[in-house]
């Protein structure tokens, strides 16, 4: 009789323990979803932006350095017999080389789909300043993939009487997808790189052949 009573008490204790454990687990999941997960996503976004910009910058600068084009390699100012500007033409072959090689260089690095990781102190997940650097580190992993598009942009800016600065830009638009075990997002990064510039003497005509291609 005594052992049966003791057995019933133990079962009640076990059930109570399991109930409390389950309740604590549910509370933990809710806290994680409402506090920890958004903070982790914010940190991943920040790291992904830094790495994406570094990949794009390094790729484009390597291409531009290797091609080593100046303004005369990309555009030509045509003058009339009386010295007036009548057209500006661009070298389509060289322009396309800049766009194509830049896209390929960036895309190659994105296609690797390398895993990146960074460490966060577990105290940082509390988002309390006093605990930011407390506790062991938690490693967060993610990888990047995406697509890239490049185009050429021309800008004309007045530089004084009868003078105009012509700048040629490479515009890189990268659609980057961030993938992690708990988070997926897509961001678009747009960056302009000045490829060449010159000062044009004379009035600039309103239309140019191939200038915006």
N, C-alpha and C. Protein backbone atom coordinates (compact mmCIF):
# COMPACT_ATOMS: atom_id res chain seq x y z
N UNK A 1 0.84 -1.22 0.00
CA UNK A 1 0.00 0.00 0.00
C UNK A 1 0.87 1.26 0.00
N UNK A 2 1.89 1.24 0.85
CA UNK A 2 2.79 2.38 0.96
C UNK A 2 3.55 2.61 -0.35
N UNK A 3 3.99 1.50 -0.96
CA UNK A 3 4.74 1.60 -2.20
C UNK A 3 3.87 2.11 -3.36
N UNK A 4 2.60 1.70 -3.35
CA UNK A 4 1.68 2.20 -4.39
C UNK A 4 1.48 3.70 -4.26
N UNK A 5 1.34 4.17 -3.02
CA UNK A 5 1.17 5.61 -2.77
C UNK A 5 2.42 6.37 -3.19
N UNK A 6 3.57 5.79 -2.86
CA UNK A 6 4.85 6.43 -3.23
C UNK A 6 5.00 6.48 -4.75
N UNK A 7 4.58 5.40 -5.39
CA UNK A 7 4.65 5.34 -6.85
C UNK A 7 3.77 6.41 -7.49
N UNK A 8 2.54 6.59 -6.95
CA UNK A 8 1.63 7.62 -7.47
C UNK A 8 2.23 9.02 -7.28
N UNK A 9 2.85 9.25 -6.13
CA UNK A 9 3.46 10.56 -5.86
C UNK A 9 4.59 10.84 -6.84
N UNK A 10 5.41 9.81 -7.11
CA UNK A 10 6.52 9.97 -8.06
C UNK A 10 6.02 10.27 -9.47
N UNK A 11 4.94 9.59 -9.86
CA UNK A 11 4.36 9.84 -11.20
C UNK A 11 3.87 11.29 -11.29
N UNK A 12 3.22 11.77 -10.21
CA UNK A 12 2.74 13.15 -10.20
C UNK A 12 3.91 14.12 -10.32
N UNK A 13 5.02 13.81 -9.60
CA UNK A 13 6.19 14.69 -9.66
C UNK A 13 6.79 14.70 -11.06
N UNK A 14 6.85 13.50 -11.68
CA UNK A 14 7.40 13.41 -13.03
C UNK A 14 6.54 14.18 -14.01
N UNK A 15 5.19 14.03 -13.89
CA UNK A 15 4.29 14.76 -14.77
C UNK A 15 4.43 16.26 -14.60
N UNK A 16 4.55 16.68 -13.32
CA UNK A 16 4.71 18.11 -13.03
C UNK A 16 6.03 18.61 -13.62
N UNK A 17 7.07 17.80 -13.47
CA UNK A 17 8.38 18.17 -14.00
C UNK A 17 8.34 18.30 -15.53
N UNK A 18 7.70 17.32 -16.17
CA UNK A 18 7.58 17.36 -17.63
C UNK A 18 6.75 18.55 -18.09
N UNK A 19 5.69 18.87 -17.35
CA UNK A 19 4.85 20.01 -17.69
C UNK A 19 5.64 21.32 -17.59
N UNK A 20 6.39 21.46 -16.48
CA UNK A 20 7.21 22.67 -16.29
C UNK A 20 8.30 22.77 -17.35
N UNK A 21 8.91 21.62 -17.67
CA UNK A 21 9.95 21.62 -18.70
C UNK A 21 9.38 22.03 -20.05
N UNK A 22 8.21 21.49 -20.39
CA UNK A 22 7.55 21.84 -21.64
C UNK A 22 7.18 23.31 -21.69
N UNK A 23 6.68 23.83 -20.56
CA UNK A 23 6.30 25.24 -20.50
C UNK A 23 7.51 26.14 -20.68
N UNK A 24 8.62 25.77 -20.03
CA UNK A 24 9.85 26.56 -20.15
C UNK A 24 10.38 26.52 -21.58
N UNK A 25 10.25 25.35 -22.21
CA UNK A 25 10.71 25.22 -23.59
C UNK A 25 9.89 26.11 -24.52
N UNK A 26 8.58 26.15 -24.30
CA UNK A 26 7.71 27.01 -25.12
C UNK A 26 8.07 28.48 -24.91
N UNK A 27 8.31 28.86 -23.66
CA UNK A 27 8.71 30.24 -23.35
C UNK A 27 10.03 30.58 -24.03
N UNK A 28 10.97 29.63 -24.00
CA UNK A 28 12.27 29.85 -24.63
C UNK A 28 12.12 30.06 -26.13
N UNK A 29 11.28 29.23 -26.77
CA UNK A 29 11.06 29.35 -28.22
C UNK A 29 10.44 30.70 -28.56
N UNK A 30 9.47 31.14 -27.76
CA UNK A 30 8.84 32.44 -27.99
C UNK A 30 9.85 33.56 -27.86
N UNK A 31 10.69 33.50 -26.82
CA UNK A 31 11.72 34.52 -26.62
C UNK A 31 12.70 34.52 -27.78
N UNK A 32 13.07 33.31 -28.23
CA UNK A 32 14.02 33.20 -29.33
C UNK A 32 13.45 33.83 -30.60
N UNK A 33 12.18 33.51 -30.88
CA UNK A 33 11.56 34.02 -32.10
C UNK A 33 11.34 35.51 -32.08
N UNK A 34 11.06 36.07 -30.90
CA UNK A 34 10.73 37.49 -30.80
C UNK A 34 11.94 38.37 -30.51
N UNK A 35 13.00 37.80 -29.95
CA UNK A 35 14.16 38.60 -29.56
C UNK A 35 15.44 38.15 -30.27
N UNK A 36 15.81 36.91 -30.07
CA UNK A 36 17.08 36.41 -30.57
C UNK A 36 17.11 36.35 -32.09
N UNK A 37 16.08 35.76 -32.69
CA UNK A 37 16.06 35.58 -34.13
C UNK A 37 16.15 36.90 -34.90
N UNK A 38 15.34 37.94 -34.57
CA UNK A 38 15.47 39.22 -35.28
C UNK A 38 16.84 39.85 -35.10
N UNK A 39 17.44 39.71 -33.92
CA UNK A 39 18.77 40.28 -33.68
C UNK A 39 19.80 39.56 -34.54
N UNK A 40 19.69 38.23 -34.61
CA UNK A 40 20.61 37.45 -35.44
C UNK A 40 20.46 37.85 -36.90
N UNK A 41 19.23 38.03 -37.36
CA UNK A 41 18.99 38.42 -38.75
C UNK A 41 19.59 39.79 -39.04
N UNK A 42 19.47 40.70 -38.11
CA UNK A 42 20.03 42.04 -38.28
C UNK A 42 21.55 41.97 -38.42
N UNK A 43 22.18 41.13 -37.62
CA UNK A 43 23.63 40.97 -37.68
C UNK A 43 24.06 40.33 -38.99
N UNK A 44 23.28 39.35 -39.46
CA UNK A 44 23.58 38.70 -40.74
C UNK A 44 23.47 39.71 -41.87
N UNK A 45 22.42 40.54 -41.85
CA UNK A 45 22.23 41.55 -42.88
C UNK A 45 23.44 42.49 -42.95
N UNK A 46 23.91 42.91 -41.79
CA UNK A 46 25.04 43.83 -41.73
C UNK A 46 26.30 43.20 -42.29
N UNK A 47 26.57 41.96 -41.89
CA UNK A 47 27.75 41.25 -42.38
C UNK A 47 27.63 40.98 -43.88
N UNK A 48 26.44 40.59 -44.33
CA UNK A 48 26.23 40.29 -45.75
C UNK A 48 26.45 41.52 -46.62
N UNK A 49 26.00 42.66 -46.14
CA UNK A 49 26.19 43.91 -46.89
C UNK A 49 27.67 44.24 -47.02
N UNK A 50 28.41 44.09 -45.92
CA UNK A 50 29.84 44.38 -45.93
C UNK A 50 30.57 43.46 -46.91
N UNK A 51 30.27 42.16 -46.85
CA UNK A 51 30.94 41.20 -47.71
C UNK A 51 30.54 41.39 -49.17
N UNK A 52 29.26 41.66 -49.43
CA UNK A 52 28.80 41.88 -50.80
C UNK A 52 29.50 43.08 -51.43
N UNK A 53 29.57 44.16 -50.69
CA UNK A 53 30.25 45.37 -51.20
C UNK A 53 31.73 45.11 -51.45
N UNK A 54 32.35 44.31 -50.57
CA UNK A 54 33.77 44.00 -50.75
C UNK A 54 33.98 43.16 -52.01
N UNK A 55 33.12 42.17 -52.22
CA UNK A 55 33.22 41.33 -53.43
C UNK A 55 33.08 42.18 -54.68
N UNK A 56 32.08 43.06 -54.69
CA UNK A 56 31.82 43.91 -55.86
C UNK A 56 32.99 44.87 -56.09
N UNK A 57 33.42 45.55 -55.04
CA UNK A 57 34.50 46.53 -55.17
C UNK A 57 35.79 45.89 -55.66
N UNK A 58 36.18 44.79 -55.03
CA UNK A 58 37.43 44.13 -55.41
C UNK A 58 37.38 43.64 -56.85
N UNK A 59 36.25 43.08 -57.24
CA UNK A 59 36.11 42.55 -58.60
C UNK A 59 36.20 43.66 -59.65
N UNK A 60 35.44 44.73 -59.44
CA UNK A 60 35.42 45.83 -60.42
C UNK A 60 36.78 46.52 -60.50
N UNK A 61 37.38 46.79 -59.37
CA UNK A 61 38.67 47.49 -59.37
C UNK A 61 39.75 46.65 -60.04
N UNK A 62 39.71 45.34 -59.88
CA UNK A 62 40.68 44.46 -60.55
C UNK A 62 40.50 44.53 -62.05
N UNK A 63 39.25 44.51 -62.50
CA UNK A 63 38.97 44.58 -63.93
C UNK A 63 39.43 45.91 -64.52
N UNK A 64 39.08 47.00 -63.85
CA UNK A 64 39.46 48.33 -64.35
C UNK A 64 40.97 48.52 -64.38
N UNK A 65 41.63 47.98 -63.35
CA UNK A 65 43.09 48.09 -63.30
C UNK A 65 43.74 47.29 -64.42
N UNK A 66 43.21 46.11 -64.69
CA UNK A 66 43.78 45.26 -65.73
C UNK A 66 43.55 45.85 -67.12
N UNK A 67 42.35 46.36 -67.38
CA UNK A 67 42.05 46.95 -68.68
C UNK A 67 42.78 48.27 -68.88
N UNK A 68 42.87 49.04 -67.81
CA UNK A 68 43.62 50.30 -67.80
C UNK A 68 43.19 51.23 -68.94
N UNK A 69 41.89 51.42 -69.09
CA UNK A 69 41.38 52.31 -70.12
C UNK A 69 41.40 53.76 -69.64
N UNK A 70 41.66 54.68 -70.56
CA UNK A 70 41.49 56.10 -70.27
C UNK A 70 40.32 56.62 -71.11
N UNK A 71 40.07 57.91 -71.03
CA UNK A 71 38.91 58.47 -71.72
C UNK A 71 38.96 58.22 -73.23
N UNK A 72 40.15 58.37 -73.81
CA UNK A 72 40.27 58.22 -75.27
C UNK A 72 40.00 56.79 -75.72
N UNK A 73 40.14 55.83 -74.81
CA UNK A 73 39.83 54.44 -75.15
C UNK A 73 38.33 54.17 -75.17
N UNK A 74 37.57 55.07 -74.55
CA UNK A 74 36.14 54.83 -74.39
C UNK A 74 35.27 55.80 -75.17
N UNK A 75 35.74 56.99 -75.39
CA UNK A 75 34.91 58.00 -76.07
C UNK A 75 35.78 58.94 -76.90
N UNK A 76 35.12 59.55 -77.87
CA UNK A 76 35.82 60.50 -78.75
C UNK A 76 34.93 61.69 -79.00
N UNK A 77 35.51 62.87 -78.81
CA UNK A 77 34.78 64.12 -79.06
C UNK A 77 35.05 64.54 -80.50
N UNK A 78 33.99 64.69 -81.26
CA UNK A 78 34.13 65.09 -82.67
C UNK A 78 33.81 66.58 -82.82
N UNK A 79 34.69 67.27 -83.53
CA UNK A 79 34.53 68.72 -83.74
C UNK A 79 34.24 69.00 -85.21
N UNK A 80 33.52 70.10 -85.42
CA UNK A 80 33.24 70.55 -86.79
C UNK A 80 34.45 71.32 -87.32
N UNK A 81 34.40 71.73 -88.56
CA UNK A 81 35.51 72.46 -89.18
C UNK A 81 35.81 73.78 -88.48
N UNK A 82 34.77 74.38 -87.87
CA UNK A 82 34.99 75.65 -87.20
C UNK A 82 35.28 75.48 -85.70
N UNK A 83 35.56 74.21 -85.28
CA UNK A 83 35.98 73.96 -83.90
C UNK A 83 34.87 73.74 -82.90
N UNK A 84 33.63 73.63 -83.34
CA UNK A 84 32.52 73.38 -82.44
C UNK A 84 32.28 71.88 -82.26
N UNK A 85 31.83 71.51 -81.06
CA UNK A 85 31.54 70.10 -80.79
C UNK A 85 30.25 69.71 -81.52
N UNK A 86 30.32 68.68 -82.34
CA UNK A 86 29.11 68.26 -83.05
C UNK A 86 28.67 66.85 -82.68
N UNK A 87 29.52 66.09 -81.97
CA UNK A 87 29.12 64.74 -81.55
C UNK A 87 30.13 64.16 -80.58
N UNK A 88 29.66 63.21 -79.78
CA UNK A 88 30.53 62.41 -78.93
C UNK A 88 30.17 60.95 -79.19
N UNK A 89 31.16 60.18 -79.60
CA UNK A 89 30.91 58.77 -79.88
C UNK A 89 31.67 57.92 -78.87
N UNK A 90 31.13 56.75 -78.57
CA UNK A 90 31.79 55.86 -77.62
C UNK A 90 32.29 54.61 -78.35
N UNK A 91 33.32 54.02 -77.78
CA UNK A 91 33.89 52.79 -78.31
C UNK A 91 33.11 51.61 -77.72
N UNK A 92 32.17 51.10 -78.48
CA UNK A 92 31.28 50.05 -77.98
C UNK A 92 32.02 48.80 -77.54
N UNK A 93 33.08 48.45 -78.26
CA UNK A 93 33.83 47.24 -77.93
C UNK A 93 34.45 47.36 -76.55
N UNK A 94 35.12 48.46 -76.29
CA UNK A 94 35.77 48.64 -74.99
C UNK A 94 34.75 48.80 -73.87
N UNK A 95 33.66 49.49 -74.15
CA UNK A 95 32.59 49.65 -73.16
C UNK A 95 32.03 48.29 -72.76
N UNK A 96 31.77 47.46 -73.77
CA UNK A 96 31.22 46.14 -73.50
C UNK A 96 32.20 45.25 -72.75
N UNK A 97 33.47 45.42 -73.00
CA UNK A 97 34.49 44.64 -72.28
C UNK A 97 34.45 44.97 -70.79
N UNK A 98 34.32 46.25 -70.47
CA UNK A 98 34.24 46.65 -69.06
C UNK A 98 33.02 46.03 -68.40
N UNK A 99 31.87 46.14 -69.07
CA UNK A 99 30.63 45.61 -68.49
C UNK A 99 30.70 44.09 -68.33
N UNK A 100 31.11 43.40 -69.41
CA UNK A 100 31.11 41.94 -69.40
C UNK A 100 32.11 41.37 -68.40
N UNK A 101 33.33 41.88 -68.42
CA UNK A 101 34.36 41.35 -67.51
C UNK A 101 34.02 41.64 -66.05
N UNK A 102 33.42 42.78 -65.78
CA UNK A 102 33.03 43.11 -64.40
C UNK A 102 31.93 42.16 -63.92
N UNK A 103 30.93 41.94 -64.79
CA UNK A 103 29.84 41.03 -64.43
C UNK A 103 30.35 39.62 -64.17
N UNK A 104 31.21 39.13 -65.06
CA UNK A 104 31.74 37.77 -64.91
C UNK A 104 32.57 37.62 -63.64
N UNK A 105 33.38 38.63 -63.35
CA UNK A 105 34.25 38.56 -62.17
C UNK A 105 33.42 38.49 -60.89
N UNK A 106 32.41 39.34 -60.81
CA UNK A 106 31.55 39.35 -59.62
C UNK A 106 30.75 38.06 -59.53
N UNK A 107 30.18 37.64 -60.67
CA UNK A 107 29.34 36.44 -60.68
C UNK A 107 30.12 35.19 -60.29
N UNK A 108 31.37 35.11 -60.73
CA UNK A 108 32.20 33.97 -60.38
C UNK A 108 32.36 33.83 -58.87
N UNK A 109 32.56 34.95 -58.20
CA UNK A 109 32.73 34.91 -56.75
C UNK A 109 31.41 34.57 -56.04
N UNK A 110 30.30 35.06 -56.58
CA UNK A 110 29.00 34.76 -55.98
C UNK A 110 28.61 33.30 -56.20
N UNK A 111 28.99 32.75 -57.36
CA UNK A 111 28.61 31.38 -57.68
C UNK A 111 29.33 30.35 -56.81
N UNK A 112 30.41 30.75 -56.19
CA UNK A 112 31.12 29.83 -55.30
C UNK A 112 30.24 29.42 -54.13
N UNK A 113 29.34 30.33 -53.73
CA UNK A 113 28.41 30.10 -52.62
C UNK A 113 29.17 29.67 -51.35
N UNK A 114 30.23 30.38 -51.09
CA UNK A 114 31.05 30.11 -49.91
C UNK A 114 30.29 30.44 -48.63
N UNK A 115 30.52 29.63 -47.59
CA UNK A 115 29.91 29.92 -46.29
C UNK A 115 30.77 30.94 -45.55
N UNK A 116 30.12 31.94 -45.02
CA UNK A 116 30.79 32.94 -44.20
C UNK A 116 30.30 32.78 -42.76
N UNK A 117 31.13 33.12 -41.82
CA UNK A 117 30.70 33.00 -40.43
C UNK A 117 31.30 34.12 -39.59
N UNK A 118 30.63 34.43 -38.53
CA UNK A 118 31.13 35.40 -37.56
C UNK A 118 30.63 34.99 -36.17
N UNK A 119 31.33 35.46 -35.16
CA UNK A 119 31.02 35.08 -33.78
C UNK A 119 30.32 36.22 -33.05
N UNK A 120 29.35 35.85 -32.24
CA UNK A 120 28.65 36.80 -31.38
C UNK A 120 28.66 36.27 -29.95
N UNK A 121 29.03 37.11 -28.97
CA UNK A 121 28.91 36.68 -27.57
C UNK A 121 27.45 36.40 -27.26
N UNK A 122 27.20 35.35 -26.51
CA UNK A 122 25.81 34.98 -26.24
C UNK A 122 25.06 36.09 -25.51
N UNK A 123 25.80 36.92 -24.76
CA UNK A 123 25.17 38.04 -24.05
C UNK A 123 24.63 39.09 -24.99
N UNK A 124 25.17 39.14 -26.23
CA UNK A 124 24.71 40.14 -27.20
C UNK A 124 23.26 39.91 -27.60
N UNK A 125 22.81 38.65 -27.51
CA UNK A 125 21.44 38.33 -27.91
C UNK A 125 20.41 38.92 -26.96
N UNK A 126 20.85 39.30 -25.75
CA UNK A 126 19.92 39.94 -24.80
C UNK A 126 19.65 41.38 -25.19
N UNK A 127 20.55 41.94 -26.04
CA UNK A 127 20.48 43.34 -26.48
C UNK A 127 20.55 44.31 -25.31
N UNK A 128 21.18 43.85 -24.23
CA UNK A 128 21.44 44.71 -23.08
C UNK A 128 22.90 45.14 -23.12
N UNK A 129 23.15 46.43 -23.08
CA UNK A 129 24.51 46.95 -23.24
C UNK A 129 25.48 46.32 -22.26
N UNK A 130 25.05 46.15 -21.04
CA UNK A 130 25.94 45.63 -19.99
C UNK A 130 26.35 44.18 -20.26
N UNK A 131 25.56 43.45 -21.08
CA UNK A 131 25.85 42.04 -21.35
C UNK A 131 26.36 41.79 -22.76
N UNK A 132 26.61 42.86 -23.52
CA UNK A 132 26.97 42.72 -24.94
C UNK A 132 28.15 41.79 -25.19
N UNK A 133 29.17 41.87 -24.33
CA UNK A 133 30.38 41.08 -24.54
C UNK A 133 30.50 39.93 -23.55
N UNK A 134 29.39 39.51 -23.00
CA UNK A 134 29.41 38.47 -21.97
C UNK A 134 29.11 37.10 -22.56
N UNK A 135 29.69 36.10 -21.92
CA UNK A 135 29.38 34.72 -22.27
C UNK A 135 30.20 34.19 -23.42
N UNK A 136 30.07 32.89 -23.69
CA UNK A 136 30.81 32.27 -24.81
C UNK A 136 30.28 32.75 -26.15
N UNK A 137 31.10 32.56 -27.19
CA UNK A 137 30.71 32.99 -28.53
C UNK A 137 29.78 31.98 -29.20
N UNK A 138 28.85 32.52 -29.97
CA UNK A 138 27.96 31.71 -30.81
C UNK A 138 28.32 32.00 -32.25
N UNK A 139 28.63 30.96 -33.01
CA UNK A 139 29.01 31.13 -34.41
C UNK A 139 27.77 31.16 -35.31
N UNK A 140 27.67 32.21 -36.11
CA UNK A 140 26.54 32.38 -37.04
C UNK A 140 27.05 32.16 -38.46
N UNK A 141 26.41 31.29 -39.22
CA UNK A 141 26.83 30.96 -40.58
C UNK A 141 25.81 31.44 -41.61
N UNK A 142 26.30 31.85 -42.77
CA UNK A 142 25.42 32.20 -43.88
C UNK A 142 26.21 32.14 -45.17
N UNK A 143 25.53 32.11 -46.30
CA UNK A 143 26.21 32.17 -47.58
C UNK A 143 25.48 33.13 -48.51
N UNK A 144 26.19 33.55 -49.54
CA UNK A 144 25.65 34.53 -50.49
C UNK A 144 25.56 33.93 -51.88
N UNK A 145 24.53 34.30 -52.59
CA UNK A 145 24.39 33.98 -53.99
C UNK A 145 23.66 35.15 -54.65
N UNK A 146 23.56 35.15 -55.96
CA UNK A 146 22.86 36.27 -56.58
C UNK A 146 23.19 36.45 -58.04
N UNK A 147 22.73 37.56 -58.59
CA UNK A 147 22.96 37.90 -59.99
C UNK A 147 23.39 39.35 -60.11
N UNK A 148 24.09 39.66 -61.21
CA UNK A 148 24.68 40.99 -61.38
C UNK A 148 24.35 41.53 -62.77
N UNK A 149 24.14 42.82 -62.82
CA UNK A 149 23.95 43.50 -64.09
C UNK A 149 24.78 44.78 -64.10
N UNK A 150 25.38 45.09 -65.24
CA UNK A 150 26.21 46.30 -65.34
C UNK A 150 25.77 47.14 -66.53
N UNK A 151 25.85 48.44 -66.38
CA UNK A 151 25.55 49.34 -67.49
C UNK A 151 26.44 50.58 -67.39
N UNK A 152 26.49 51.33 -68.46
CA UNK A 152 27.30 52.54 -68.51
C UNK A 152 26.41 53.77 -68.39
N UNK A 153 26.86 54.70 -67.58
CA UNK A 153 26.13 55.95 -67.37
C UNK A 153 27.05 57.12 -67.69
N UNK A 154 26.52 58.11 -68.39
CA UNK A 154 27.28 59.31 -68.72
C UNK A 154 26.73 60.51 -67.95
N UNK A 155 27.62 61.33 -67.47
CA UNK A 155 27.20 62.53 -66.75
C UNK A 155 27.98 63.73 -67.28
N UNK A 156 27.25 64.80 -67.57
CA UNK A 156 27.87 66.03 -68.06
C UNK A 156 27.65 67.14 -67.03
N UNK A 157 28.72 67.79 -66.66
CA UNK A 157 28.66 68.82 -65.63
C UNK A 157 29.41 70.07 -66.09
N UNK A 158 28.75 71.20 -65.95
CA UNK A 158 29.38 72.47 -66.35
C UNK A 158 30.62 72.74 -65.50
N UNK A 159 31.69 73.18 -66.20
CA UNK A 159 32.95 73.46 -65.50
C UNK A 159 33.41 74.89 -65.76
N UNK A 160 32.48 75.73 -66.13
CA UNK A 160 32.84 77.12 -66.41
C UNK A 160 32.35 77.53 -67.78
N UNK A 161 32.81 78.67 -68.24
CA UNK A 161 32.36 79.19 -69.54
C UNK A 161 32.84 78.29 -70.66
N UNK A 162 31.87 77.76 -71.40
CA UNK A 162 32.17 76.94 -72.58
C UNK A 162 32.97 75.68 -72.27
N UNK A 163 32.90 75.20 -71.02
CA UNK A 163 33.61 73.98 -70.64
C UNK A 163 32.66 73.01 -69.93
N UNK A 164 32.79 71.74 -70.24
CA UNK A 164 31.92 70.71 -69.65
C UNK A 164 32.75 69.48 -69.28
N UNK A 165 32.53 68.98 -68.08
CA UNK A 165 33.19 67.74 -67.67
C UNK A 165 32.30 66.56 -68.07
N UNK A 166 32.88 65.65 -68.80
CA UNK A 166 32.17 64.43 -69.19
C UNK A 166 32.72 63.27 -68.36
N UNK A 167 31.87 62.67 -67.55
CA UNK A 167 32.27 61.53 -66.73
C UNK A 167 31.56 60.28 -67.23
N UNK A 168 32.32 59.20 -67.30
CA UNK A 168 31.75 57.91 -67.69
C UNK A 168 31.78 56.98 -66.48
N UNK A 169 30.61 56.46 -66.12
CA UNK A 169 30.49 55.59 -64.94
C UNK A 169 30.09 54.18 -65.34
N UNK A 170 30.61 53.23 -64.59
CA UNK A 170 30.11 51.86 -64.64
C UNK A 170 29.15 51.69 -63.48
N UNK A 171 27.91 51.34 -63.77
CA UNK A 171 26.89 51.15 -62.74
C UNK A 171 26.68 49.65 -62.53
N UNK A 172 26.94 49.20 -61.31
CA UNK A 172 26.79 47.77 -60.99
C UNK A 172 25.55 47.60 -60.10
N UNK A 173 24.63 46.76 -60.55
CA UNK A 173 23.43 46.45 -59.78
C UNK A 173 23.48 44.96 -59.44
N UNK A 174 23.63 44.66 -58.16
CA UNK A 174 23.74 43.26 -57.72
C UNK A 174 22.53 42.89 -56.87
N UNK A 175 21.86 41.82 -57.26
CA UNK A 175 20.74 41.29 -56.48
C UNK A 175 21.28 40.10 -55.67
N UNK A 176 21.47 40.33 -54.38
CA UNK A 176 22.13 39.36 -53.52
C UNK A 176 21.12 38.63 -52.62
N UNK A 177 21.21 37.31 -52.62
CA UNK A 177 20.38 36.49 -51.74
C UNK A 177 21.23 35.97 -50.59
N UNK A 178 20.75 36.21 -49.38
CA UNK A 178 21.44 35.75 -48.17
C UNK A 178 20.73 34.51 -47.65
N UNK A 179 21.50 33.44 -47.43
CA UNK A 179 20.93 32.18 -46.97
C UNK A 179 21.60 31.73 -45.67
N UNK A 180 20.78 31.43 -44.67
CA UNK A 180 21.28 30.86 -43.42
C UNK A 180 20.25 29.85 -42.93
N UNK A 181 20.62 29.00 -41.96
CA UNK A 181 19.67 27.99 -41.47
C UNK A 181 18.33 28.57 -40.99
N UNK A 182 18.37 29.81 -40.49
CA UNK A 182 17.15 30.38 -39.92
C UNK A 182 16.67 31.64 -40.63
N UNK A 183 17.31 31.98 -41.76
CA UNK A 183 17.00 33.29 -42.33
C UNK A 183 17.34 33.30 -43.82
N UNK A 184 16.46 33.89 -44.62
CA UNK A 184 16.69 34.10 -46.05
C UNK A 184 16.18 35.47 -46.44
N UNK A 185 16.98 36.21 -47.19
CA UNK A 185 16.53 37.53 -47.63
C UNK A 185 17.19 37.87 -48.95
N UNK A 186 16.65 38.88 -49.62
CA UNK A 186 17.19 39.35 -50.89
C UNK A 186 17.35 40.86 -50.84
N UNK A 187 18.53 41.33 -51.19
CA UNK A 187 18.81 42.76 -51.18
C UNK A 187 19.42 43.16 -52.53
N UNK A 188 19.18 44.41 -52.91
CA UNK A 188 19.75 44.94 -54.15
C UNK A 188 20.76 46.03 -53.79
N UNK A 189 21.98 45.88 -54.29
CA UNK A 189 23.03 46.86 -54.03
C UNK A 189 23.43 47.51 -55.35
N UNK A 190 23.45 48.83 -55.36
CA UNK A 190 23.80 49.58 -56.57
C UNK A 190 25.01 50.46 -56.28
N UNK A 191 26.03 50.33 -57.14
CA UNK A 191 27.27 51.08 -56.93
C UNK A 191 27.74 51.68 -58.24
N UNK A 192 28.20 52.93 -58.18
CA UNK A 192 28.73 53.62 -59.36
C UNK A 192 30.26 53.71 -59.27
N UNK A 193 30.92 53.42 -60.37
CA UNK A 193 32.39 53.52 -60.46
C UNK A 193 32.75 54.44 -61.60
N UNK A 194 33.50 55.50 -61.31
CA UNK A 194 33.93 56.39 -62.37
C UNK A 194 35.04 55.70 -63.16
N UNK A 195 34.82 55.53 -64.45
CA UNK A 195 35.78 54.84 -65.31
C UNK A 195 36.73 55.82 -65.97
N UNK A 196 36.21 56.97 -66.39
CA UNK A 196 37.05 57.97 -67.07
C UNK A 196 36.33 59.31 -67.07
N UNK A 197 37.12 60.37 -67.31
CA UNK A 197 36.53 61.70 -67.43
C UNK A 197 37.44 62.59 -68.26
N UNK A 198 36.84 63.64 -68.81
CA UNK A 198 37.62 64.64 -69.54
C UNK A 198 36.88 65.96 -69.52
N UNK A 199 37.58 67.03 -69.84
CA UNK A 199 36.96 68.35 -69.96
C UNK A 199 36.80 68.67 -71.44
N UNK A 200 35.57 68.90 -71.83
CA UNK A 200 35.27 69.20 -73.23
C UNK A 200 35.16 70.71 -73.40
N UNK A 201 35.90 71.24 -74.36
CA UNK A 201 35.87 72.67 -74.65
C UNK A 201 34.88 72.90 -75.80
N UNK A 202 33.88 73.75 -75.54
CA UNK A 202 32.89 74.03 -76.57
C UNK A 202 31.49 73.66 -76.09
N UNK A 203 30.50 74.13 -76.81
CA UNK A 203 29.11 73.83 -76.46
C UNK A 203 28.79 72.36 -76.73
N UNK A 204 28.09 71.73 -75.79
CA UNK A 204 27.75 70.32 -75.92
C UNK A 204 26.44 70.19 -76.68
N UNK A 205 26.40 69.40 -77.76
CA UNK A 205 25.14 69.20 -78.50
C UNK A 205 24.15 68.41 -77.67
N UNK A 206 22.90 68.55 -78.00
CA UNK A 206 21.84 67.91 -77.21
C UNK A 206 21.73 66.42 -77.46
N UNK A 207 22.26 65.94 -78.57
CA UNK A 207 22.20 64.51 -78.88
C UNK A 207 23.60 63.99 -79.19
N UNK A 208 23.86 62.75 -78.83
CA UNK A 208 25.14 62.13 -79.08
C UNK A 208 24.93 60.74 -79.65
N UNK A 209 25.85 60.31 -80.49
CA UNK A 209 25.75 58.97 -81.09
C UNK A 209 26.31 57.94 -80.10
N UNK A 210 25.47 56.99 -79.71
CA UNK A 210 25.88 55.86 -78.86
C UNK A 210 26.29 56.26 -77.45
N UNK A 211 26.11 57.49 -77.03
CA UNK A 211 26.72 57.94 -75.79
C UNK A 211 26.11 57.28 -74.55
N UNK A 212 24.89 56.87 -74.59
CA UNK A 212 24.27 56.29 -73.40
C UNK A 212 24.15 54.76 -73.47
N UNK A 213 24.86 54.14 -74.38
CA UNK A 213 24.80 52.69 -74.53
C UNK A 213 25.87 52.04 -73.67
